[in-house]
Amino acid sequence: MSAFSIGNPPLTINSRVWGGRFPIPCNCGTTVFMASQTVVPKKKRGPAPTGKGTQIQVRLHDDLLAPLDAFVADQEGKPSRAEAIRTIIRDWLIGNGYKKLS
């Protein structure tokens, strides 16, 4: 019969109870320091929000998208599609009297 003792006063464990296999004690009383980990924030998609205005999402089919792209190509500075849509809506609203010229 073999026994395993730990602690003070000793705690004796009979090997017959555990089938003759004892857990191997390791790092007893040893403090292990892990390298610090840097948390990398997840990248956000799209441009930074301006926080101004109400976001409206619109789907355009090819019969409207192609003329919109032609409009963008004719403009100075090549505005984005979103800016082109804002310009078109602003001009239409002013031309039809829904918005005052400012």
PDB file of N, CA and C in Angstrom:
ATOM      1  N   MET A   1       0.848  -1.173   0.000  1.00  0.00           N
ATOM      2  CA  MET A   1       0.000   0.000   0.000  1.00  0.00           C
ATOM      3  C   MET A   1       0.893   1.235   0.000  1.00  0.00           C
ATOM      4  N   SER A   2       0.609   2.164  -0.944  1.00  0.00           N
ATOM      5  CA  SER A   2       1.376   3.403  -0.965  1.00  0.00           C
ATOM      6  C   SER A   2       0.445   4.550  -0.601  1.00  0.00           C
ATOM      7  N   ALA A   3       1.018   5.620  -0.093  1.00  0.00           N
ATOM      8  CA  ALA A   3       0.224   6.770   0.333  1.00  0.00           C
ATOM      9  C   ALA A   3       0.893   8.034  -0.153  1.00  0.00           C
ATOM     10  N   PHE A   4       0.111   9.065  -0.226  1.00  0.00           N
ATOM     11  CA  PHE A   4       0.580  10.361  -0.691  1.00  0.00           C
ATOM     12  C   PHE A   4       0.192  11.373   0.376  1.00  0.00           C
ATOM     13  N   SER A   5       1.145  12.182   0.859  1.00  0.00           N
ATOM     14  CA  SER A   5       0.874  13.129   1.937  1.00  0.00           C
ATOM     15  C   SER A   5       1.102  14.551   1.453  1.00  0.00           C
ATOM     16  N   ILE A   6       0.181  15.433   1.806  1.00  0.00           N
ATOM     17  CA  ILE A   6       0.343  16.854   1.512  1.00  0.00           C
ATOM     18  C   ILE A   6      -0.095  17.671   2.710  1.00  0.00           C
ATOM     19  N   GLY A   7       0.496  18.865   2.828  1.00  0.00           N
ATOM     20  CA  GLY A   7       0.076  19.816   3.853  1.00  0.00           C
ATOM     21  C   GLY A   7       0.683  19.567   5.207  1.00  0.00           C
ATOM     22  N   ASN A   8       0.315  20.449   6.159  1.00  0.00           N
ATOM     23  CA  ASN A   8       0.785  20.356   7.527  1.00  0.00           C
ATOM     24  C   ASN A   8      -0.408  20.643   8.419  1.00  0.00           C
ATOM     25  N   PRO A   9      -0.979  19.813   9.166  1.00  0.00           N
ATOM     26  CA  PRO A   9      -0.605  18.421   9.340  1.00  0.00           C
ATOM     27  C   PRO A   9      -0.847  17.635   8.053  1.00  0.00           C
ATOM     28  N   PRO A  10      -0.080  16.570   7.846  1.00  0.00           N
ATOM     29  CA  PRO A  10      -0.160  15.841   6.586  1.00  0.00           C
ATOM     30  C   PRO A  10      -1.528  15.211   6.351  1.00  0.00           C
ATOM     31  N   LEU A  11      -1.965  15.289   5.074  1.00  0.00           N
ATOM     32  CA  LEU A  11      -3.195  14.645   4.632  1.00  0.00           C
ATOM     33  C   LEU A  11      -2.746  13.440   3.819  1.00  0.00           C
ATOM     34  N   THR A  12      -3.140  12.270   4.252  1.00  0.00           N
ATOM     35  CA  THR A  12      -2.691  11.054   3.598  1.00  0.00           C
ATOM     36  C   THR A  12      -3.806  10.521   2.717  1.00  0.00           C
ATOM     37  N   ILE A  13      -3.477  10.205   1.459  1.00  0.00           N
ATOM     38  CA  ILE A  13      -4.440   9.663   0.510  1.00  0.00           C
ATOM     39  C   ILE A  13      -3.973   8.263   0.142  1.00  0.00           C
ATOM     40  N   ASN A  14      -4.834   7.316   0.273  1.00  0.00           N
ATOM     41  CA  ASN A  14      -4.502   5.938  -0.030  1.00  0.00           C
ATOM     42  C   ASN A  14      -4.570   5.731  -1.536  1.00  0.00           C
ATOM     43  N   SER A  15      -3.565   5.096  -2.131  1.00  0.00           N
ATOM     44  CA  SER A  15      -3.516   4.905  -3.577  1.00  0.00           C
ATOM     45  C   SER A  15      -4.581   3.932  -4.070  1.00  0.00           C
ATOM     46  N   ARG A  16      -5.081   3.075  -3.207  1.00  0.00           N
ATOM     47  CA  ARG A  16      -6.126   2.140  -3.630  1.00  0.00           C
ATOM     48  C   ARG A  16      -7.429   2.873  -3.935  1.00  0.00           C
ATOM     49  N   VAL A  17      -7.689   3.934  -3.222  1.00  0.00           N
ATOM     50  CA  VAL A  17      -8.914   4.713  -3.446  1.00  0.00           C
ATOM     51  C   VAL A  17      -8.882   5.353  -4.837  1.00  0.00           C
ATOM     52  N   TRP A  18      -7.713   5.831  -5.247  1.00  0.00           N
ATOM     53  CA  TRP A  18      -7.566   6.551  -6.525  1.00  0.00           C
ATOM     54  C   TRP A  18      -7.067   5.658  -7.648  1.00  0.00           C
ATOM     55  N   GLY A  19      -7.053   4.385  -7.468  1.00  0.00           N
ATOM     56  CA  GLY A  19      -6.628   3.466  -8.512  1.00  0.00           C
ATOM     57  C   GLY A  19      -5.131   3.493  -8.742  1.00  0.00           C
ATOM     58  N   GLY A  20      -4.362   3.944  -7.775  1.00  0.00           N
ATOM     59  CA  GLY A  20      -2.924   3.948  -7.896  1.00  0.00           C
ATOM     60  C   GLY A  20      -2.359   5.138  -8.649  1.00  0.00           C
ATOM     61  N   ARG A  21      -3.200   6.063  -9.125  1.00  0.00           N
ATOM     62  CA  ARG A  21      -2.715   7.222  -9.878  1.00  0.00           C
ATOM     63  C   ARG A  21      -3.005   8.490  -9.080  1.00  0.00           C
ATOM     64  N   PHE A  22      -1.966   9.255  -8.808  1.00  0.00           N
ATOM     65  CA  PHE A  22      -2.112  10.505  -8.086  1.00  0.00           C
ATOM     66  C   PHE A  22      -1.952  11.668  -9.055  1.00  0.00           C
ATOM     67  N   PRO A  23      -2.638  12.756  -8.797  1.00  0.00           N
ATOM     68  CA  PRO A  23      -2.376  13.940  -9.619  1.00  0.00           C
ATOM     69  C   PRO A  23      -0.971  14.453  -9.328  1.00  0.00           C
ATOM     70  N   ILE A  24      -0.276  14.878 -10.331  1.00  0.00           N
ATOM     71  CA  ILE A  24       1.085  15.361 -10.158  1.00  0.00           C
ATOM     72  C   ILE A  24       1.020  16.827  -9.737  1.00  0.00           C
ATOM     73  N   PRO A  25       1.510  17.147  -8.539  1.00  0.00           N
ATOM     74  CA  PRO A  25       1.485  18.550  -8.129  1.00  0.00           C
ATOM     75  C   PRO A  25       2.533  19.340  -8.908  1.00  0.00           C
ATOM     76  N   CYS A  26       2.129  20.442  -9.455  1.00  0.00           N
ATOM     77  CA  CYS A  26       3.076  21.292 -10.169  1.00  0.00           C
ATOM     78  C   CYS A  26       2.767  22.752  -9.865  1.00  0.00           C
ATOM     79  N   ASN A  27       3.771  23.575  -9.924  1.00  0.00           N
ATOM     80  CA  ASN A  27       3.656  25.001  -9.642  1.00  0.00           C
ATOM     81  C   ASN A  27       3.077  25.272  -8.260  1.00  0.00           C
ATOM     82  N   CYS A  28       3.340  24.396  -7.317  1.00  0.00           N
ATOM     83  CA  CYS A  28       2.829  24.603  -5.966  1.00  0.00           C
ATOM     84  C   CYS A  28       3.536  25.785  -5.328  1.00  0.00           C
ATOM     85  N   GLY A  29       2.777  26.789  -4.972  1.00  0.00           N
ATOM     86  CA  GLY A  29       3.340  27.957  -4.337  1.00  0.00           C
ATOM     87  C   GLY A  29       4.055  28.883  -5.309  1.00  0.00           C
ATOM     88  N   THR A  30       3.946  28.634  -6.586  1.00  0.00           N
ATOM     89  CA  THR A  30       4.611  29.463  -7.588  1.00  0.00           C
ATOM     90  C   THR A  30       3.592  30.383  -8.240  1.00  0.00           C
ATOM     91  N   THR A  31       3.926  31.645  -8.290  1.00  0.00           N
ATOM     92  CA  THR A  31       3.054  32.608  -8.964  1.00  0.00           C
ATOM     93  C   THR A  31       3.530  32.764 -10.398  1.00  0.00           C
ATOM     94  N   VAL A  32       2.614  32.604 -11.333  1.00  0.00           N
ATOM     95  CA  VAL A  32       2.957  32.713 -12.747  1.00  0.00           C
ATOM     96  C   VAL A  32       2.348  34.000 -13.278  1.00  0.00           C
ATOM     97  N   PHE A  33       3.187  34.879 -13.829  1.00  0.00           N
ATOM     98  CA  PHE A  33       2.716  36.123 -14.401  1.00  0.00           C
ATOM     99  C   PHE A  33       2.609  35.973 -15.910  1.00  0.00           C
ATOM    100  N   MET A  34       1.447  36.294 -16.446  1.00  0.00           N
ATOM    101  CA  MET A  34       1.259  36.222 -17.888  1.00  0.00           C
ATOM    102  C   MET A  34       1.569  37.583 -18.488  1.00  0.00           C
ATOM    103  N   ALA A  35       2.009  37.573 -19.722  1.00  0.00           N
ATOM    104  CA  ALA A  35       2.275  38.833 -20.419  1.00  0.00           C
ATOM    105  C   ALA A  35       0.960  39.584 -20.571  1.00  0.00           C
ATOM    106  N   SER A  36       1.022  40.903 -20.421  1.00  0.00           N
ATOM    107  CA  SER A  36      -0.202  41.683 -20.552  1.00  0.00           C
ATOM    108  C   SER A  36      -0.668  41.650 -21.997  1.00  0.00           C
ATOM    109  N   GLN A  37      -1.977  41.618 -22.170  1.00  0.00           N
ATOM    110  CA  GLN A  37      -2.552  41.554 -23.503  1.00  0.00           C
ATOM    111  C   GLN A  37      -3.147  42.901 -23.847  1.00  0.00           C
ATOM    112  N   THR A  38      -2.923  43.330 -25.072  1.00  0.00           N
ATOM    113  CA  THR A  38      -3.487  44.583 -25.541  1.00  0.00           C
ATOM    114  C   THR A  38      -4.785  44.277 -26.277  1.00  0.00           C
ATOM    115  N   VAL A  39      -5.841  44.955 -25.882  1.00  0.00           N
ATOM    116  CA  VAL A  39      -7.132  44.760 -26.525  1.00  0.00           C
ATOM    117  C   VAL A  39      -7.218  45.712 -27.711  1.00  0.00           C
ATOM    118  N   VAL A  40      -7.408  45.141 -28.901  1.00  0.00           N
ATOM    119  CA  VAL A  40      -7.521  45.950 -30.112  1.00  0.00           C
ATOM    120  C   VAL A  40      -9.004  46.117 -30.416  1.00  0.00           C
ATOM    121  N   PRO A  41      -9.497  47.367 -30.433  1.00  0.00           N
ATOM    122  CA  PRO A  41     -10.919  47.556 -30.703  1.00  0.00           C
ATOM    123  C   PRO A  41     -11.264  47.145 -32.132  1.00  0.00           C
ATOM    124  N   LYS A  42     -12.455  46.613 -32.313  1.00  0.00           N
ATOM    125  CA  LYS A  42     -12.905  46.184 -33.629  1.00  0.00           C
ATOM    126  C   LYS A  42     -13.150  47.411 -34.501  1.00  0.00           C
ATOM    127  N   LYS A  43     -12.685  47.344 -35.756  1.00  0.00           N
ATOM    128  CA  LYS A  43     -12.856  48.475 -36.661  1.00  0.00           C
ATOM    129  C   LYS A  43     -14.327  48.632 -37.030  1.00  0.00           C
ATOM    130  N   LYS A  44     -14.770  49.875 -37.058  1.00  0.00           N
ATOM    131  CA  LYS A  44     -16.131  50.159 -37.478  1.00  0.00           C
ATOM    132  C   LYS A  44     -16.150  50.350 -38.982  1.00  0.00           C
ATOM    133  N   ARG A  45     -17.215  49.917 -39.615  1.00  0.00           N
ATOM    134  CA  ARG A  45     -17.321  50.008 -41.058  1.00  0.00           C
ATOM    135  C   ARG A  45     -17.892  51.355 -41.465  1.00  0.00           C
ATOM    136  N   GLY A  46     -17.489  51.813 -42.627  1.00  0.00           N
ATOM    137  CA  GLY A  46     -18.029  53.037 -43.198  1.00  0.00           C
ATOM    138  C   GLY A  46     -17.363  54.284 -42.658  1.00  0.00           C
ATOM    139  N   PRO A  47     -17.749  55.416 -43.223  1.00  0.00           N
ATOM    140  CA  PRO A  47     -17.160  56.676 -42.771  1.00  0.00           C
ATOM    141  C   PRO A  47     -17.663  57.058 -41.385  1.00  0.00           C
ATOM    142  N   ALA A  48     -16.927  57.932 -40.738  1.00  0.00           N
ATOM    143  CA  ALA A  48     -17.331  58.393 -39.412  1.00  0.00           C
ATOM    144  C   ALA A  48     -18.642  59.160 -39.517  1.00  0.00           C
ATOM    145  N   PRO A  49     -19.592  58.893 -38.646  1.00  0.00           N
ATOM    146  CA  PRO A  49     -20.867  59.594 -38.727  1.00  0.00           C
ATOM    147  C   PRO A  49     -20.717  61.058 -38.336  1.00  0.00           C
ATOM    148  N   THR A  50     -21.445  61.922 -39.022  1.00  0.00           N
ATOM    149  CA  THR A  50     -21.384  63.344 -38.708  1.00  0.00           C
ATOM    150  C   THR A  50     -22.352  63.684 -37.590  1.00  0.00           C
ATOM    151  N   GLY A  51     -23.373  62.846 -37.432  1.00  0.00           N
ATOM    152  CA  GLY A  51     -24.361  63.109 -36.395  1.00  0.00           C
ATOM    153  C   GLY A  51     -25.374  64.154 -36.804  1.00  0.00           C
ATOM    154  N   LYS A  52     -25.320  64.606 -38.045  1.00  0.00           N
ATOM    155  CA  LYS A  52     -26.241  65.640 -38.510  1.00  0.00           C
ATOM    156  C   LYS A  52     -27.210  65.024 -39.501  1.00  0.00           C
ATOM    157  N   GLY A  53     -28.472  65.382 -39.380  1.00  0.00           N
ATOM    158  CA  GLY A  53     -29.481  64.903 -40.323  1.00  0.00           C
ATOM    159  C   GLY A  53     -29.998  63.524 -39.966  1.00  0.00           C
ATOM    160  N   THR A  54     -31.020  63.116 -40.714  1.00  0.00           N
ATOM    161  CA  THR A  54     -31.632  61.812 -40.535  1.00  0.00           C
ATOM    162  C   THR A  54     -31.174  60.901 -41.659  1.00  0.00           C
ATOM    163  N   GLN A  55     -30.722  59.714 -41.302  1.00  0.00           N
ATOM    164  CA  GLN A  55     -30.250  58.772 -42.307  1.00  0.00           C
ATOM    165  C   GLN A  55     -31.447  58.114 -42.979  1.00  0.00           C
ATOM    166  N   ILE A  56     -31.441  58.135 -44.314  1.00  0.00           N
ATOM    167  CA  ILE A  56     -32.476  57.487 -45.105  1.00  0.00           C
ATOM    168  C   ILE A  56     -31.766  56.577 -46.100  1.00  0.00           C
ATOM    169  N   GLN A  57     -32.135  55.314 -46.102  1.00  0.00           N
ATOM    170  CA  GLN A  57     -31.515  54.372 -47.028  1.00  0.00           C
ATOM    171  C   GLN A  57     -32.453  54.144 -48.198  1.00  0.00           C
ATOM    172  N   VAL A  58     -31.901  54.185 -49.409  1.00  0.00           N
ATOM    173  CA  VAL A  58     -32.695  54.048 -50.628  1.00  0.00           C
ATOM    174  C   VAL A  58     -32.024  53.025 -51.528  1.00  0.00           C
ATOM    175  N   ARG A  59     -32.812  52.129 -52.100  1.00  0.00           N
ATOM    176  CA  ARG A  59     -32.318  51.194 -53.110  1.00  0.00           C
ATOM    177  C   ARG A  59     -32.680  51.733 -54.473  1.00  0.00           C
ATOM    178  N   LEU A  60     -31.701  51.721 -55.375  1.00  0.00           N
ATOM    179  CA  LEU A  60     -31.944  52.186 -56.737  1.00  0.00           C
ATOM    180  C   LEU A  60     -31.704  51.049 -57.716  1.00  0.00           C
ATOM    181  N   HIS A  61     -32.625  50.893 -58.653  1.00  0.00           N
ATOM    182  CA  HIS A  61     -32.455  49.904 -59.719  1.00  0.00           C
ATOM    183  C   HIS A  61     -31.593  50.521 -60.814  1.00  0.00           C
ATOM    184  N   ASP A  62     -31.161  49.686 -61.742  1.00  0.00           N
ATOM    185  CA  ASP A  62     -30.264  50.136 -62.802  1.00  0.00           C
ATOM    186  C   ASP A  62     -30.847  51.276 -63.633  1.00  0.00           C
ATOM    187  N   ASP A  63     -32.191  51.298 -63.808  1.00  0.00           N
ATOM    188  CA  ASP A  63     -32.800  52.358 -64.638  1.00  0.00           C
ATOM    189  C   ASP A  63     -32.660  53.741 -63.997  1.00  0.00           C
ATOM    190  N   LEU A  64     -32.388  53.827 -62.685  1.00  0.00           N
ATOM    191  CA  LEU A  64     -32.121  55.105 -62.021  1.00  0.00           C
ATOM    192  C   LEU A  64     -30.641  55.270 -61.676  1.00  0.00           C
ATOM    193  N   LEU A  65     -29.974  54.164 -61.455  1.00  0.00           N
ATOM    194  CA  LEU A  65     -28.573  54.225 -61.042  1.00  0.00           C
ATOM    195  C   LEU A  65     -27.658  54.691 -62.182  1.00  0.00           C
ATOM    196  N   ALA A  66     -27.916  54.231 -63.387  1.00  0.00           N
ATOM    197  CA  ALA A  66     -27.075  54.632 -64.530  1.00  0.00           C
ATOM    198  C   ALA A  66     -27.176  56.139 -64.790  1.00  0.00           C
ATOM    199  N   PRO A  67     -28.394  56.734 -64.831  1.00  0.00           N
ATOM    200  CA  PRO A  67     -28.457  58.185 -64.997  1.00  0.00           C
ATOM    201  C   PRO A  67     -27.836  58.949 -63.823  1.00  0.00           C
ATOM    202  N   LEU A  68     -27.946  58.410 -62.610  1.00  0.00           N
ATOM    203  CA  LEU A  68     -27.320  59.055 -61.451  1.00  0.00           C
ATOM    204  C   LEU A  68     -25.802  59.074 -61.626  1.00  0.00           C
ATOM    205  N   ASP A  69     -25.231  57.953 -62.056  1.00  0.00           N
ATOM    206  CA  ASP A  69     -23.782  57.901 -62.275  1.00  0.00           C
ATOM    207  C   ASP A  69     -23.363  58.850 -63.399  1.00  0.00           C
ATOM    208  N   ALA A  70     -24.200  59.015 -64.426  1.00  0.00           N
ATOM    209  CA  ALA A  70     -23.904  59.962 -65.506  1.00  0.00           C
ATOM    210  C   ALA A  70     -23.914  61.393 -64.958  1.00  0.00           C
ATOM    211  N   PHE A  71     -24.861  61.691 -64.068  1.00  0.00           N
ATOM    212  CA  PHE A  71     -24.940  63.003 -63.429  1.00  0.00           C
ATOM    213  C   PHE A  71     -23.665  63.265 -62.619  1.00  0.00           C
ATOM    214  N   VAL A  72     -23.233  62.275 -61.852  1.00  0.00           N
ATOM    215  CA  VAL A  72     -22.022  62.400 -61.032  1.00  0.00           C
ATOM    216  C   VAL A  72     -20.811  62.664 -61.927  1.00  0.00           C
ATOM    217  N   ALA A  73     -20.729  61.962 -63.063  1.00  0.00           N
ATOM    218  CA  ALA A  73     -19.587  62.111 -63.959  1.00  0.00           C
ATOM    219  C   ALA A  73     -19.527  63.514 -64.560  1.00  0.00           C
ATOM    220  N   ASP A  74     -20.693  64.162 -64.747  1.00  0.00           N
ATOM    221  CA  ASP A  74     -20.744  65.507 -65.336  1.00  0.00           C
ATOM    222  C   ASP A  74     -20.425  66.613 -64.334  1.00  0.00           C
ATOM    223  N   GLN A  75     -20.430  66.308 -63.042  1.00  0.00           N
ATOM    224  CA  GLN A  75     -20.231  67.326 -62.014  1.00  0.00           C
ATOM    225  C   GLN A  75     -18.743  67.566 -61.759  1.00  0.00           C
ATOM    226  N   GLU A  76     -18.420  68.795 -61.365  1.00  0.00           N
ATOM    227  CA  GLU A  76     -17.044  69.111 -60.977  1.00  0.00           C
ATOM    228  C   GLU A  76     -16.745  68.476 -59.622  1.00  0.00           C
ATOM    229  N   GLY A  77     -15.575  67.946 -59.484  1.00  0.00           N
ATOM    230  CA  GLY A  77     -15.161  67.364 -58.202  1.00  0.00           C
ATOM    231  C   GLY A  77     -15.670  65.963 -57.973  1.00  0.00           C
ATOM    232  N   LYS A  78     -16.434  65.410 -58.887  1.00  0.00           N
ATOM    233  CA  LYS A  78     -16.967  64.044 -58.785  1.00  0.00           C
ATOM    234  C   LYS A  78     -17.553  63.769 -57.389  1.00  0.00           C
ATOM    235  N   PRO A  79     -18.721  64.335 -57.085  1.00  0.00           N
ATOM    236  CA  PRO A  79     -19.329  64.089 -55.765  1.00  0.00           C
ATOM    237  C   PRO A  79     -19.708  62.612 -55.610  1.00  0.00           C
ATOM    238  N   SER A  80     -19.901  62.213 -54.399  1.00  0.00           N
ATOM    239  CA  SER A  80     -20.353  60.844 -54.146  1.00  0.00           C
ATOM    240  C   SER A  80     -21.801  60.704 -54.595  1.00  0.00           C
ATOM    241  N   ARG A  81     -22.266  59.481 -54.695  1.00  0.00           N
ATOM    242  CA  ARG A  81     -23.666  59.265 -55.071  1.00  0.00           C
ATOM    243  C   ARG A  81     -24.603  59.908 -54.052  1.00  0.00           C
ATOM    244  N   ALA A  82     -24.262  59.803 -52.776  1.00  0.00           N
ATOM    245  CA  ALA A  82     -25.103  60.383 -51.729  1.00  0.00           C
ATOM    246  C   ALA A  82     -25.186  61.896 -51.879  1.00  0.00           C
ATOM    247  N   GLU A  83     -24.048  62.542 -52.133  1.00  0.00           N
ATOM    248  CA  GLU A  83     -24.052  63.999 -52.318  1.00  0.00           C
ATOM    249  C   GLU A  83     -24.812  64.377 -53.582  1.00  0.00           C
ATOM    250  N   ALA A  84     -24.694  63.580 -54.643  1.00  0.00           N
ATOM    251  CA  ALA A  84     -25.434  63.848 -55.879  1.00  0.00           C
ATOM    252  C   ALA A  84     -26.932  63.742 -55.638  1.00  0.00           C
ATOM    253  N   ILE A  85     -27.366  62.747 -54.887  1.00  0.00           N
ATOM    254  CA  ILE A  85     -28.799  62.598 -54.577  1.00  0.00           C
ATOM    255  C   ILE A  85     -29.278  63.790 -53.766  1.00  0.00           C
ATOM    256  N   ARG A  86     -28.476  64.247 -52.780  1.00  0.00           N
ATOM    257  CA  ARG A  86     -28.866  65.431 -51.998  1.00  0.00           C
ATOM    258  C   ARG A  86     -28.992  66.648 -52.902  1.00  0.00           C
ATOM    259  N   THR A  87     -28.066  66.817 -53.846  1.00  0.00           N
ATOM    260  CA  THR A  87     -28.108  67.963 -54.768  1.00  0.00           C
ATOM    261  C   THR A  87     -29.349  67.903 -55.648  1.00  0.00           C
ATOM    262  N   ILE A  88     -29.632  66.727 -56.202  1.00  0.00           N
ATOM    263  CA  ILE A  88     -30.805  66.562 -57.070  1.00  0.00           C
ATOM    264  C   ILE A  88     -32.089  66.861 -56.304  1.00  0.00           C
ATOM    265  N   ILE A  89     -32.218  66.326 -55.102  1.00  0.00           N
ATOM    266  CA  ILE A  89     -33.433  66.561 -54.298  1.00  0.00           C
ATOM    267  C   ILE A  89     -33.552  68.031 -53.928  1.00  0.00           C
ATOM    268  N   ARG A  90     -32.440  68.659 -53.510  1.00  0.00           N
ATOM    269  CA  ARG A  90     -32.460  70.083 -53.144  1.00  0.00           C
ATOM    270  C   ARG A  90     -32.895  70.937 -54.336  1.00  0.00           C
ATOM    271  N   ASP A  91     -32.316  70.674 -55.521  1.00  0.00           N
ATOM    272  CA  ASP A  91     -32.679  71.455 -56.716  1.00  0.00           C
ATOM    273  C   ASP A  91     -34.139  71.246 -57.099  1.00  0.00           C
ATOM    274  N   TRP A  92     -34.631  70.018 -57.000  1.00  0.00           N
ATOM    275  CA  TRP A  92     -36.028  69.739 -57.343  1.00  0.00           C
ATOM    276  C   TRP A  92     -36.968  70.432 -56.368  1.00  0.00           C
ATOM    277  N   LEU A  93     -36.659  70.363 -55.065  1.00  0.00           N
ATOM    278  CA  LEU A  93     -37.519  70.998 -54.061  1.00  0.00           C
ATOM    279  C   LEU A  93     -37.556  72.519 -54.238  1.00  0.00           C
ATOM    280  N   ILE A  94     -36.418  73.122 -54.552  1.00  0.00           N
ATOM    281  CA  ILE A  94     -36.373  74.578 -54.793  1.00  0.00           C
ATOM    282  C   ILE A  94     -37.135  74.912 -56.057  1.00  0.00           C
ATOM    283  N   GLY A  95     -36.921  74.139 -57.136  1.00  0.00           N
ATOM    284  CA  GLY A  95     -37.576  74.399 -58.428  1.00  0.00           C
ATOM    285  C   GLY A  95     -39.076  74.234 -58.371  1.00  0.00           C
ATOM    286  N   ASN A  96     -39.601  73.417 -57.502  1.00  0.00           N
ATOM    287  CA  ASN A  96     -41.047  73.187 -57.403  1.00  0.00           C
ATOM    288  C   ASN A  96     -41.681  73.921 -56.237  1.00  0.00           C
ATOM    289  N   GLY A  97     -40.942  74.801 -55.608  1.00  0.00           N
ATOM    290  CA  GLY A  97     -41.494  75.666 -54.569  1.00  0.00           C
ATOM    291  C   GLY A  97     -41.656  75.017 -53.199  1.00  0.00           C
ATOM    292  N   TYR A  98     -41.101  73.875 -52.962  1.00  0.00           N
ATOM    293  CA  TYR A  98     -41.214  73.235 -51.660  1.00  0.00           C
ATOM    294  C   TYR A  98     -40.166  73.723 -50.668  1.00  0.00           C
ATOM    295  N   LYS A  99     -39.102  74.283 -51.209  1.00  0.00           N
ATOM    296  CA  LYS A  99     -38.036  74.815 -50.346  1.00  0.00           C
ATOM    297  C   LYS A  99     -37.661  76.179 -50.871  1.00  0.00           C
ATOM    298  N   LYS A 100     -37.445  77.101 -49.939  1.00  0.00           N
ATOM    299  CA  LYS A 100     -37.046  78.442 -50.329  1.00  0.00           C
ATOM    300  C   LYS A 100     -35.571  78.461 -50.659  1.00  0.00           C
ATOM    301  N   LEU A 101     -35.200  79.283 -51.630  1.00  0.00           N
ATOM    302  CA  LEU A 101     -33.808  79.413 -52.036  1.00  0.00           C
ATOM    303  C   LEU A 101     -33.022  80.026 -50.876  1.00  0.00           C
ATOM    304  N   SER A 102     -31.970  79.372 -50.467  1.00  0.00           N
ATOM    305  CA  SER A 102     -31.182  79.899 -49.339  1.00  0.00           C
ATOM    306  C   SER A 102     -29.731  80.039 -49.714  1.00  0.00           C
TER     307      SER A 102
END
